Amino acid sequence: MSWHHAPAHHFACGNTFFLTGATAYKEHFYREPIMLDELHEILFNNAEKHQCVLQSWCLLSNHYHLVVRGEGANVRQMVTRLHTEAARARNKRRFRLPTRFEV
């Protein structure tokens, strides 16, 4: 049996999907609890916005697993927005300048 690490992605209508995603190079970008909380909030906001039901989820420091029920196009949009918003939030936090109180 051959296994390729990038199987085809099929988004059919009104199904339940098991999704796994990882950070770039599997770096542990979400080690800090505040970062993981932010990712959690972004996930839940996008699930609601795109009318997806999160049946189960596991958010870790360098990857996630989701069981999502919804229309295929909505799930695809939710995941796209999740990745975009999570990356922006992480970059904003990582590359921000310290305030005068933190110096």
N, C-alpha and C. Protein backbone atom coordinates (compact mmCIF):
# COMPACT_ATOMS: atom_id res chain seq x y z
N MET A 1 0.85 -1.17 0.00
CA MET A 1 0.00 0.00 0.00
C MET A 1 0.90 1.24 0.00
N SER A 2 0.69 2.12 -0.95
CA SER A 2 1.49 3.35 -0.98
C SER A 2 0.76 4.46 -0.25
N TRP A 3 1.49 5.33 0.35
CA TRP A 3 0.93 6.46 1.10
C TRP A 3 1.65 7.72 0.65
N HIS A 4 0.92 8.67 0.14
CA HIS A 4 1.52 9.95 -0.19
C HIS A 4 0.97 10.97 0.80
N HIS A 5 1.82 11.85 1.23
CA HIS A 5 1.50 12.74 2.34
C HIS A 5 0.53 13.86 1.97
N ALA A 6 0.23 14.04 0.71
CA ALA A 6 -0.68 15.11 0.30
C ALA A 6 -1.85 14.52 -0.49
N PRO A 7 -2.77 13.87 0.19
CA PRO A 7 -3.90 13.28 -0.53
C PRO A 7 -4.81 14.36 -1.11
N ALA A 8 -5.61 13.99 -2.07
CA ALA A 8 -6.55 14.94 -2.67
C ALA A 8 -7.54 15.42 -1.62
N HIS A 9 -7.96 16.66 -1.73
CA HIS A 9 -8.93 17.24 -0.82
C HIS A 9 -10.29 17.27 -1.52
N HIS A 10 -11.26 16.63 -0.93
CA HIS A 10 -12.59 16.57 -1.51
C HIS A 10 -13.57 17.25 -0.57
N PHE A 11 -14.21 18.31 -1.03
CA PHE A 11 -15.18 19.05 -0.23
C PHE A 11 -16.56 18.85 -0.82
N ALA A 12 -17.26 17.82 -0.40
CA ALA A 12 -18.61 17.54 -0.88
C ALA A 12 -19.61 18.33 -0.02
N CYS A 13 -20.83 18.39 -0.49
CA CYS A 13 -21.87 19.17 0.20
C CYS A 13 -22.40 18.45 1.44
N GLY A 14 -22.56 19.22 2.52
CA GLY A 14 -23.23 18.74 3.71
C GLY A 14 -22.65 17.50 4.34
N ASN A 15 -21.38 17.42 4.46
CA ASN A 15 -20.72 16.26 5.03
C ASN A 15 -19.96 16.62 6.31
N THR A 16 -19.41 15.60 6.92
CA THR A 16 -18.52 15.77 8.05
C THR A 16 -17.10 15.56 7.54
N PHE A 17 -16.21 16.47 7.94
CA PHE A 17 -14.83 16.44 7.46
C PHE A 17 -13.88 16.28 8.64
N PHE A 18 -12.86 15.47 8.47
CA PHE A 18 -11.75 15.39 9.43
C PHE A 18 -10.59 16.15 8.79
N LEU A 19 -10.17 17.22 9.44
CA LEU A 19 -9.12 18.07 8.88
C LEU A 19 -7.92 18.12 9.81
N THR A 20 -6.75 18.14 9.22
CA THR A 20 -5.50 18.31 9.96
C THR A 20 -4.71 19.40 9.26
N GLY A 21 -4.15 20.31 10.04
CA GLY A 21 -3.30 21.35 9.49
C GLY A 21 -2.07 21.51 10.36
N ALA A 22 -1.02 22.04 9.78
CA ALA A 22 0.23 22.20 10.52
C ALA A 22 0.85 23.55 10.22
N THR A 23 1.67 24.02 11.13
CA THR A 23 2.40 25.26 10.94
C THR A 23 3.53 25.02 9.93
N ALA A 24 4.07 26.09 9.41
CA ALA A 24 5.18 25.99 8.47
C ALA A 24 6.35 25.26 9.14
N TYR A 25 6.84 24.25 8.47
CA TYR A 25 7.98 23.45 8.96
C TYR A 25 7.71 22.84 10.34
N LYS A 26 6.44 22.76 10.69
CA LYS A 26 6.00 22.20 11.98
C LYS A 26 6.64 22.89 13.18
N GLU A 27 6.90 24.18 13.02
CA GLU A 27 7.45 24.96 14.13
C GLU A 27 6.37 25.15 15.20
N HIS A 28 6.78 25.19 16.44
CA HIS A 28 5.86 25.32 17.57
C HIS A 28 5.53 26.79 17.82
N PHE A 29 4.71 27.36 16.93
CA PHE A 29 4.35 28.77 17.02
C PHE A 29 3.37 29.06 18.15
N TYR A 30 2.66 28.06 18.61
CA TYR A 30 1.59 28.29 19.59
C TYR A 30 1.91 27.66 20.95
N ARG A 31 3.15 27.77 21.37
CA ARG A 31 3.56 27.22 22.67
C ARG A 31 2.97 28.02 23.84
N GLU A 32 2.90 29.33 23.66
CA GLU A 32 2.41 30.18 24.73
C GLU A 32 0.88 30.07 24.82
N PRO A 33 0.34 29.94 26.03
CA PRO A 33 -1.11 29.81 26.19
C PRO A 33 -1.90 30.96 25.54
N ILE A 34 -1.37 32.17 25.60
CA ILE A 34 -2.08 33.29 25.00
C ILE A 34 -2.20 33.14 23.49
N MET A 35 -1.20 32.56 22.85
CA MET A 35 -1.24 32.34 21.41
C MET A 35 -2.24 31.23 21.06
N LEU A 36 -2.25 30.19 21.85
CA LEU A 36 -3.20 29.10 21.63
C LEU A 36 -4.63 29.58 21.86
N ASP A 37 -4.84 30.42 22.88
CA ASP A 37 -6.16 31.00 23.12
C ASP A 37 -6.62 31.85 21.94
N GLU A 38 -5.70 32.60 21.37
CA GLU A 38 -6.02 33.43 20.22
C GLU A 38 -6.41 32.56 19.02
N LEU A 39 -5.68 31.49 18.80
CA LEU A 39 -6.00 30.55 17.72
C LEU A 39 -7.38 29.94 17.94
N HIS A 40 -7.68 29.56 19.16
CA HIS A 40 -8.98 29.00 19.53
C HIS A 40 -10.10 29.99 19.20
N GLU A 41 -9.91 31.23 19.56
CA GLU A 41 -10.91 32.26 19.29
C GLU A 41 -11.11 32.47 17.78
N ILE A 42 -10.02 32.50 17.04
CA ILE A 42 -10.10 32.66 15.58
C ILE A 42 -10.86 31.48 14.97
N LEU A 43 -10.56 30.27 15.44
CA LEU A 43 -11.25 29.07 14.94
C LEU A 43 -12.75 29.16 15.18
N PHE A 44 -13.15 29.47 16.40
CA PHE A 44 -14.57 29.50 16.74
C PHE A 44 -15.31 30.62 16.01
N ASN A 45 -14.67 31.77 15.89
CA ASN A 45 -15.30 32.88 15.16
C ASN A 45 -15.53 32.51 13.70
N ASN A 46 -14.56 31.87 13.08
CA ASN A 46 -14.69 31.50 11.67
C ASN A 46 -15.68 30.36 11.47
N ALA A 47 -15.74 29.44 12.39
CA ALA A 47 -16.73 28.35 12.28
C ALA A 47 -18.14 28.94 12.29
N GLU A 48 -18.37 29.84 13.21
CA GLU A 48 -19.69 30.48 13.28
C GLU A 48 -19.98 31.31 12.04
N LYS A 49 -19.01 32.10 11.63
CA LYS A 49 -19.18 32.98 10.47
C LYS A 49 -19.49 32.20 9.19
N HIS A 50 -18.91 31.02 9.04
CA HIS A 50 -19.07 30.23 7.82
C HIS A 50 -20.07 29.08 7.99
N GLN A 51 -20.86 29.13 9.07
CA GLN A 51 -21.93 28.16 9.31
C GLN A 51 -21.42 26.72 9.33
N CYS A 52 -20.33 26.55 10.04
CA CYS A 52 -19.75 25.22 10.22
C CYS A 52 -19.91 24.82 11.68
N VAL A 53 -20.17 23.56 11.90
CA VAL A 53 -20.31 23.04 13.27
C VAL A 53 -19.05 22.27 13.62
N LEU A 54 -18.37 22.73 14.66
CA LEU A 54 -17.18 22.02 15.15
C LEU A 54 -17.66 20.90 16.06
N GLN A 55 -17.47 19.68 15.62
CA GLN A 55 -17.89 18.54 16.42
C GLN A 55 -16.80 18.09 17.38
N SER A 56 -15.56 18.32 16.98
CA SER A 56 -14.42 17.97 17.81
C SER A 56 -13.22 18.76 17.31
N TRP A 57 -12.31 19.11 18.21
CA TRP A 57 -11.12 19.83 17.81
C TRP A 57 -9.99 19.58 18.80
N CYS A 58 -8.78 19.69 18.29
CA CYS A 58 -7.58 19.56 19.10
C CYS A 58 -6.56 20.55 18.54
N LEU A 59 -6.27 21.58 19.30
CA LEU A 59 -5.31 22.61 18.88
C LEU A 59 -4.02 22.40 19.66
N LEU A 60 -2.94 22.18 18.95
CA LEU A 60 -1.64 21.95 19.57
C LEU A 60 -0.66 23.03 19.14
N SER A 61 0.53 23.01 19.66
CA SER A 61 1.49 24.09 19.42
C SER A 61 1.96 24.18 17.98
N ASN A 62 1.87 23.08 17.21
CA ASN A 62 2.34 23.14 15.83
C ASN A 62 1.39 22.49 14.82
N HIS A 63 0.24 22.03 15.26
CA HIS A 63 -0.75 21.49 14.33
C HIS A 63 -2.11 21.40 15.00
N TYR A 64 -3.12 21.08 14.17
CA TYR A 64 -4.47 20.94 14.71
C TYR A 64 -5.20 19.80 14.01
N HIS A 65 -6.25 19.34 14.68
CA HIS A 65 -7.17 18.35 14.12
C HIS A 65 -8.57 18.88 14.36
N LEU A 66 -9.42 18.79 13.35
CA LEU A 66 -10.80 19.25 13.47
C LEU A 66 -11.74 18.20 12.88
N VAL A 67 -12.90 18.06 13.50
CA VAL A 67 -14.01 17.35 12.89
C VAL A 67 -15.08 18.41 12.71
N VAL A 68 -15.42 18.69 11.45
CA VAL A 68 -16.30 19.80 11.10
C VAL A 68 -17.45 19.29 10.24
N ARG A 69 -18.64 19.76 10.55
CA ARG A 69 -19.80 19.45 9.71
C ARG A 69 -20.24 20.72 9.03
N GLY A 70 -20.46 20.65 7.70
CA GLY A 70 -20.93 21.82 6.97
C GLY A 70 -20.87 21.60 5.48
N GLU A 71 -21.36 22.58 4.77
CA GLU A 71 -21.29 22.55 3.32
C GLU A 71 -19.82 22.65 2.90
N GLY A 72 -19.45 21.93 1.87
CA GLY A 72 -18.06 21.87 1.44
C GLY A 72 -17.44 23.23 1.20
N ALA A 73 -18.16 24.12 0.50
CA ALA A 73 -17.61 25.46 0.21
C ALA A 73 -17.42 26.25 1.48
N ASN A 74 -18.34 26.11 2.44
CA ASN A 74 -18.22 26.83 3.70
C ASN A 74 -17.03 26.34 4.53
N VAL A 75 -16.83 25.04 4.52
CA VAL A 75 -15.69 24.47 5.26
C VAL A 75 -14.38 24.96 4.64
N ARG A 76 -14.34 24.95 3.32
CA ARG A 76 -13.14 25.43 2.63
C ARG A 76 -12.86 26.90 2.98
N GLN A 77 -13.88 27.73 2.96
CA GLN A 77 -13.71 29.15 3.30
C GLN A 77 -13.30 29.33 4.75
N MET A 78 -13.90 28.53 5.64
CA MET A 78 -13.55 28.62 7.06
C MET A 78 -12.07 28.31 7.27
N VAL A 79 -11.58 27.25 6.65
CA VAL A 79 -10.18 26.86 6.81
C VAL A 79 -9.25 27.91 6.21
N THR A 80 -9.61 28.44 5.07
CA THR A 80 -8.80 29.48 4.43
C THR A 80 -8.70 30.70 5.34
N ARG A 81 -9.83 31.14 5.89
CA ARG A 81 -9.83 32.30 6.79
C ARG A 81 -9.09 31.99 8.09
N LEU A 82 -9.24 30.77 8.59
CA LEU A 82 -8.52 30.36 9.80
C LEU A 82 -7.03 30.52 9.60
N HIS A 83 -6.51 30.00 8.50
CA HIS A 83 -5.07 30.07 8.23
C HIS A 83 -4.62 31.51 8.05
N THR A 84 -5.38 32.30 7.31
CA THR A 84 -5.01 33.70 7.06
C THR A 84 -5.01 34.50 8.35
N GLU A 85 -6.09 34.43 9.10
CA GLU A 85 -6.20 35.23 10.33
C GLU A 85 -5.22 34.77 11.40
N ALA A 86 -4.99 33.48 11.51
CA ALA A 86 -4.04 32.96 12.50
C ALA A 86 -2.63 33.44 12.17
N ALA A 87 -2.25 33.40 10.89
CA ALA A 87 -0.91 33.85 10.49
C ALA A 87 -0.75 35.35 10.75
N ARG A 88 -1.76 36.12 10.41
CA ARG A 88 -1.68 37.57 10.64
C ARG A 88 -1.58 37.89 12.14
N ALA A 89 -2.38 37.21 12.95
CA ALA A 89 -2.34 37.46 14.40
C ALA A 89 -0.99 37.08 14.98
N ARG A 90 -0.45 35.95 14.53
CA ARG A 90 0.85 35.52 15.03
C ARG A 90 1.95 36.49 14.62
N ASN A 91 1.93 36.89 13.35
CA ASN A 91 2.95 37.83 12.87
C ASN A 91 2.84 39.18 13.56
N LYS A 92 1.64 39.62 13.79
CA LYS A 92 1.43 40.90 14.48
C LYS A 92 2.02 40.84 15.89
N ARG A 93 1.75 39.74 16.57
CA ARG A 93 2.27 39.58 17.95
C ARG A 93 3.78 39.39 17.94
N ARG A 94 4.29 38.66 16.96
CA ARG A 94 5.73 38.35 16.92
C ARG A 94 6.57 39.56 16.52
N PHE A 95 6.09 40.34 15.58
CA PHE A 95 6.90 41.42 15.03
C PHE A 95 6.52 42.81 15.54
N ARG A 96 5.65 42.87 16.55
CA ARG A 96 5.27 44.18 17.05
C ARG A 96 6.42 44.80 17.83
N LEU A 97 6.43 46.11 17.88
CA LEU A 97 7.45 46.81 18.67
C LEU A 97 6.99 46.87 20.12
N PRO A 98 7.92 46.76 21.05
CA PRO A 98 7.53 46.85 22.47
C PRO A 98 7.05 48.24 22.80
N THR A 99 6.10 48.29 23.72
CA THR A 99 5.64 49.59 24.19
C THR A 99 6.67 50.16 25.14
N ARG A 100 6.54 51.42 25.46
CA ARG A 100 7.52 52.05 26.36
C ARG A 100 7.51 51.42 27.73
N PHE A 101 6.40 50.74 28.09
CA PHE A 101 6.33 50.11 29.42
C PHE A 101 7.02 48.75 29.44
N GLU A 102 7.29 48.20 28.27
CA GLU A 102 7.94 46.90 28.19
C GLU A 102 9.43 46.98 28.00
N VAL A 103 9.94 48.17 27.73
CA VAL A 103 11.37 48.33 27.45
C VAL A 103 12.16 48.26 28.72
